[in-house]
Each structure stands twice: as structure tokens, then as C-alpha cells.
Amino acid sequence: MDRSKRKLETEVSDLKEQLNEHRLQVEELQLQLGKREEELTQALMKIDEEGAGKAQSQKALRELESQLAEVRF
């Protein structure tokens, strides 16, 4: 009886240790996910900014082309 009880206590202790290790792994993965999400957000913002800059450049180019066409006539 005592032997079975000790065996079960050891198994419970091992399982608790494994659970704690898994919790730590989950926390670490959540931190990594948060960092990746932040990196993604920054990359998307940069893409948006570059897209807006491109649109402004294209608009300015069209305006200059229009002015050049007026000067030619």
C-alpha cells in the first residue's frame, strides 16, 4: 500500500513538474507571438507609408507632365 502511494505521489509530482514546464513554454511562445505581431504591425505600417509616398509621387509626376504639356503648346 505504501509503495503504491509513493509511486502515485512520484507520478503526481512528475506530472506537476511537466505541467509547470509546459506553462513556461506557453508563456515564452506567447511572448514570441507578441513580438512577431508587433513586427508585423510595423511592417504593415511601413508598407502603407511607402504606398502613400508612391501615390504622392505619382500625383506630382502627373501634375508635372500636365504642366510640361501646357508649356509645349
Protein backbone atom coordinates (compact mmCIF):
# COMPACT_ATOMS: atom_id res chain seq x y z
CA MET A 1 0.00 0.00 0.00
CA ASP A 2 2.71 2.49 0.95
CA ARG A 3 4.67 1.51 -2.12
CA SER A 4 1.70 2.22 -4.38
CA LYS A 5 1.08 5.51 -2.63
CA ARG A 6 4.72 6.61 -3.07
CA LYS A 7 4.58 5.60 -6.72
CA LEU A 8 1.44 7.67 -7.26
CA GLU A 9 2.93 10.62 -5.37
CA THR A 10 6.02 10.43 -7.58
CA GLU A 11 3.87 10.33 -10.69
CA VAL A 12 1.81 13.28 -9.49
CA SER A 13 4.99 15.20 -8.71
CA ASP A 14 6.39 14.42 -12.17
CA LEU A 15 3.15 15.48 -13.82
CA LYS A 16 3.11 18.75 -11.86
CA GLU A 17 6.67 19.42 -12.98
CA GLN A 18 5.75 18.71 -16.60
CA LEU A 19 2.74 20.99 -16.28
CA ASN A 20 4.89 23.81 -14.96
CA GLU A 21 7.37 23.31 -17.80
CA HIS A 22 4.54 23.45 -20.32
CA ARG A 23 3.19 26.61 -18.74
CA LEU A 24 6.60 28.22 -19.04
CA GLN A 25 6.80 27.15 -22.68
CA VAL A 26 3.35 28.62 -23.34
CA GLU A 27 4.37 31.91 -21.72
CA GLU A 28 7.55 32.03 -23.82
CA LEU A 29 5.60 31.30 -27.00
CA GLN A 30 3.09 34.00 -26.12
CA LEU A 31 5.93 36.49 -25.71
CA GLN A 32 7.39 35.45 -29.05
CA LEU A 33 3.98 35.75 -30.69
CA GLY A 34 3.55 39.24 -29.26
CA LYS A 35 6.92 40.28 -30.66
CA ARG A 36 6.07 38.84 -34.07
CA GLU A 37 2.71 40.61 -34.08
CA GLU A 38 4.45 43.90 -33.27
CA GLU A 39 6.97 43.32 -36.07
CA LEU A 40 4.13 42.55 -38.47
CA THR A 41 2.24 45.67 -37.45
CA GLN A 42 5.34 47.80 -38.01
CA ALA A 43 5.98 46.19 -41.40
CA LEU A 44 2.37 46.81 -42.47
CA MET A 45 2.61 50.43 -41.35
CA LYS A 46 5.79 50.86 -43.36
CA ILE A 47 4.10 49.35 -46.43
CA ASP A 48 1.18 51.75 -46.00
CA GLU A 49 3.55 54.71 -45.65
CA GLU A 50 5.51 53.67 -48.72
CA GLY A 51 2.28 53.22 -50.66
CA ALA A 52 1.13 56.70 -49.67
CA GLY A 53 4.51 58.12 -50.69
CA LYS A 54 4.30 56.36 -54.03
CA ALA A 55 0.81 57.74 -54.61
CA GLN A 56 2.00 61.27 -53.83
CA SER A 57 4.97 60.87 -56.17
CA GLN A 58 2.73 59.63 -58.95
CA LYS A 59 0.37 62.54 -58.44
CA ALA A 60 3.25 65.02 -58.53
CA LEU A 61 4.58 63.36 -61.68
CA ARG A 62 1.20 63.63 -63.40
CA GLU A 63 0.99 67.30 -62.44
CA LEU A 64 4.47 67.96 -63.82
CA GLU A 65 3.64 66.09 -67.00
CA SER A 66 0.49 68.20 -67.35
CA GLN A 67 2.48 71.41 -66.83
CA LEU A 68 5.08 70.25 -69.35
CA ALA A 69 2.37 69.53 -71.88
CA GLU A 70 0.96 73.04 -71.38
CA VAL A 71 4.39 74.61 -71.88
CA ARG A 72 4.91 72.71 -75.14
CA PHE A 73 1.75 74.16 -76.67
